[in-house]
Protein backbone atom coordinates (compact mmCIF):
# COMPACT_ATOMS: atom_id res chain seq x y z
CA MET A 1 -170.79 -99.10 -203.83
CA SER A 2 -169.24 -100.34 -207.12
CA VAL A 3 -168.45 -103.85 -207.89
CA SER A 4 -164.65 -103.01 -208.19
CA ARG A 5 -164.81 -101.42 -204.67
CA SER A 6 -166.57 -104.50 -203.21
CA ILE A 7 -163.81 -106.71 -204.89
CA SER A 8 -161.26 -104.47 -203.23
CA ILE A 9 -162.88 -104.74 -199.87
CA THR A 10 -163.06 -108.53 -200.38
CA ALA A 11 -159.26 -108.69 -201.19
CA VAL A 12 -158.49 -106.62 -198.13
CA VAL A 13 -160.55 -108.95 -195.86
CA ALA A 14 -158.91 -112.06 -197.51
CA ALA A 15 -155.44 -110.62 -196.85
CA ALA A 16 -156.40 -109.97 -193.18
CA VAL A 17 -157.65 -113.42 -192.83
CA GLY A 18 -154.59 -114.89 -194.54
CA ALA A 19 -151.98 -112.90 -192.53
CA PRO A 20 -152.01 -115.30 -189.65
CA ALA A 21 -151.34 -118.22 -191.94
CA VAL A 22 -148.19 -116.44 -193.18
CA ALA A 23 -146.98 -116.01 -189.53
CA PHE A 24 -147.52 -119.72 -188.95
CA ALA A 25 -145.83 -120.70 -192.11
CA GLN A 26 -142.67 -119.06 -190.99
CA GLN A 27 -142.59 -121.27 -187.85
CA GLY A 28 -143.24 -124.48 -189.90
CA GLY A 29 -146.68 -125.12 -188.35
CA VAL A 30 -149.88 -126.22 -189.84
CA THR A 31 -151.59 -123.44 -191.98
CA PRO A 32 -154.83 -123.18 -193.89
CA VAL A 33 -152.83 -123.68 -197.12
CA SER A 34 -151.14 -126.83 -195.82
CA ILE A 35 -154.52 -128.09 -194.62
CA PHE A 36 -155.95 -127.57 -198.06
CA GLY A 37 -152.97 -129.22 -199.67
CA ASP A 38 -153.07 -132.30 -197.45
CA ALA A 39 -156.88 -132.71 -197.87
CA THR A 40 -158.50 -135.44 -200.01
CA PRO A 41 -159.90 -134.41 -203.31
CA SER A 42 -163.49 -134.61 -202.01
CA MET A 43 -162.70 -132.42 -198.96
CA LYS A 44 -160.84 -130.00 -201.32
CA LEU A 45 -164.06 -129.71 -203.38
CA VAL A 46 -166.11 -128.97 -200.33
CA MET A 47 -163.63 -126.25 -199.33
CA VAL A 48 -163.54 -124.67 -202.72
CA VAL A 49 -167.41 -124.77 -202.94
CA LEU A 50 -167.67 -123.02 -199.55
CA VAL A 51 -165.15 -120.35 -200.37
CA LEU A 52 -166.59 -119.71 -203.87
CA THR A 53 -170.16 -119.59 -202.40
CA MET A 54 -168.97 -116.96 -199.91
CA VAL A 55 -167.72 -114.80 -202.83
CA VAL A 56 -170.96 -115.32 -204.75
CA ALA A 57 -173.01 -114.43 -201.73
CA VAL A 58 -171.14 -111.08 -201.46
CA VAL A 59 -171.47 -110.41 -205.17
CA VAL A 60 -175.30 -111.24 -205.11
CA THR A 61 -175.76 -108.84 -202.20
CA VAL A 62 -173.69 -106.01 -203.78
CA ARG A 63 -175.63 -106.34 -207.04
CA LYS A 64 -178.90 -106.56 -205.21
CA LEU A 65 -178.10 -103.40 -203.15
CA MET A 66 -176.94 -101.50 -206.30
CA SER A 67 -180.01 -102.55 -208.42
CA GLY A 68 -182.14 -99.52 -207.38
CA PRO A 69 -185.88 -100.01 -207.30
CA SER A 70 -185.49 -103.51 -208.95
CA LEU A 71 -185.19 -105.95 -206.06
CA THR A 72 -185.65 -109.30 -207.89
CA GLY A 73 -183.49 -112.36 -207.45
CA GLY A 74 -180.90 -113.50 -205.04
CA SER A 75 -182.80 -113.27 -201.69
CA ALA A 76 -183.79 -116.91 -201.58
CA PHE A 77 -180.16 -117.94 -202.38
CA LEU A 78 -178.95 -115.86 -199.46
CA SER A 79 -181.80 -117.18 -197.15
CA ALA A 80 -180.82 -120.81 -198.08
CA LEU A 81 -177.14 -120.21 -197.44
CA ARG A 82 -177.91 -119.10 -193.84
CA LEU A 83 -178.66 -122.63 -192.85
CA GLY A 84 -177.18 -124.67 -195.63
CA ALA A 85 -173.63 -123.44 -195.41
CA PRO A 86 -172.96 -124.41 -191.78
CA LEU A 87 -174.64 -127.82 -192.36
CA LEU A 88 -172.35 -128.33 -195.38
CA GLY A 89 -169.27 -127.50 -193.26
CA LEU A 90 -170.54 -129.80 -190.50
CA LEU A 91 -171.11 -132.68 -193.02
CA GLY A 92 -167.59 -132.30 -194.37
CA ALA A 93 -166.15 -132.29 -190.82
CA ALA A 94 -168.23 -135.37 -189.87
CA TYR A 95 -167.23 -137.24 -193.10
CA ASN A 96 -163.61 -136.42 -192.37
CA GLY A 97 -164.00 -137.57 -188.79
CA LEU A 98 -165.56 -140.77 -189.88
CA ASN A 99 -162.61 -141.37 -192.17
CA MET A 100 -160.16 -140.74 -189.28
CA ILE A 101 -162.14 -143.22 -187.05
CA ILE A 102 -162.07 -145.92 -189.79
CA GLY A 103 -158.31 -145.28 -190.15
CA LEU A 104 -157.89 -145.75 -186.43
CA ALA A 105 -159.93 -148.92 -186.50
CA ASN A 106 -157.83 -150.37 -189.27
CA PHE A 107 -154.47 -149.43 -188.03
CA GLY A 108 -154.74 -149.21 -184.23
CA PRO A 109 -153.74 -146.39 -181.90
CA GLN A 110 -151.76 -143.61 -183.49
CA PRO A 111 -149.76 -140.74 -181.94
CA ILE A 112 -151.47 -137.35 -181.90
CA GLU A 113 -149.10 -136.11 -184.68
CA VAL A 114 -150.66 -138.48 -187.15
CA LEU A 115 -154.17 -137.37 -186.27
CA ALA A 116 -153.51 -133.67 -186.03
CA HIS A 117 -153.80 -132.97 -189.83
CA GLY A 118 -157.17 -134.79 -189.98
CA LEU A 119 -158.38 -132.92 -186.95
CA ALA A 120 -157.19 -129.55 -188.33
CA GLU A 121 -159.01 -130.37 -191.71
CA SER A 122 -162.20 -131.11 -189.83
CA ALA A 123 -162.02 -127.87 -187.81
CA PHE A 124 -161.11 -125.94 -190.98
CA LEU A 125 -164.22 -127.36 -192.80
CA LEU A 126 -166.45 -126.49 -189.86
CA LEU A 127 -164.93 -122.96 -189.71
CA LEU A 128 -165.53 -122.34 -193.36
CA GLY A 129 -169.09 -123.45 -193.09
CA LEU A 130 -169.69 -121.22 -190.10
CA THR A 131 -167.99 -118.28 -191.71
CA LEU A 132 -170.10 -118.69 -194.76
CA GLY A 133 -173.21 -118.91 -192.60
CA VAL A 134 -172.32 -115.64 -190.83
CA VAL A 135 -171.59 -113.99 -194.16
CA ALA A 136 -174.94 -115.15 -195.51
CA VAL A 137 -176.80 -113.87 -192.44
CA ILE A 138 -175.13 -110.43 -192.74
CA CYS A 139 -175.86 -110.30 -196.50
CA HIS A 140 -179.41 -111.38 -195.90
CA TRP A 141 -179.94 -108.72 -193.37
CA ALA A 142 -178.58 -106.09 -195.74
CA VAL A 143 -180.94 -107.21 -198.53
CA GLU A 144 -183.98 -107.49 -196.30
CA SER A 145 -183.42 -104.03 -194.82
CA ARG A 146 -183.11 -102.75 -198.41
CA VAL A 147 -186.39 -104.39 -199.30
CA ASP A 148 -188.05 -103.03 -196.29
CA ARG A 149 -186.89 -99.49 -197.03
CA MET A 150 -188.22 -99.86 -200.50
CA VAL A 151 -191.48 -101.24 -199.50
CA LEU A 152 -192.09 -98.59 -196.77
CA ARG A 153 -191.33 -95.72 -199.27
CA ALA A 154 -194.02 -97.09 -201.67
């Protein structure tokens, strides 16, 4: 599989994931784009890091699978992402939840419409972390199966 083909597959997957956002945007609802736009700079940074790390994990996996008999580098990165990514998403969601609770403590009870964007942001962060964790597990399995096949051939 060539790198351009893997990038094409990634673009198709991104379009499939983004299609529901377009449908919601026509109704004027909350979308992943509006969640990102309303987020604080620190939460935007966490979101961008999670998405970019997902792309890097796929690129590392493709490069490792295309490397032939050379199997060096990248496996520890993918292994660390399996646990680290969901924890980073959970940390971002918890931090966002803490900020919402502090806001409630300072300003008193608020209607659900005021809290909805913060709750959506927390859920989005958690979703990004879990999605990256799933991608990392699948990529790690692919790399490990390739390593196993190469070792058993030798």
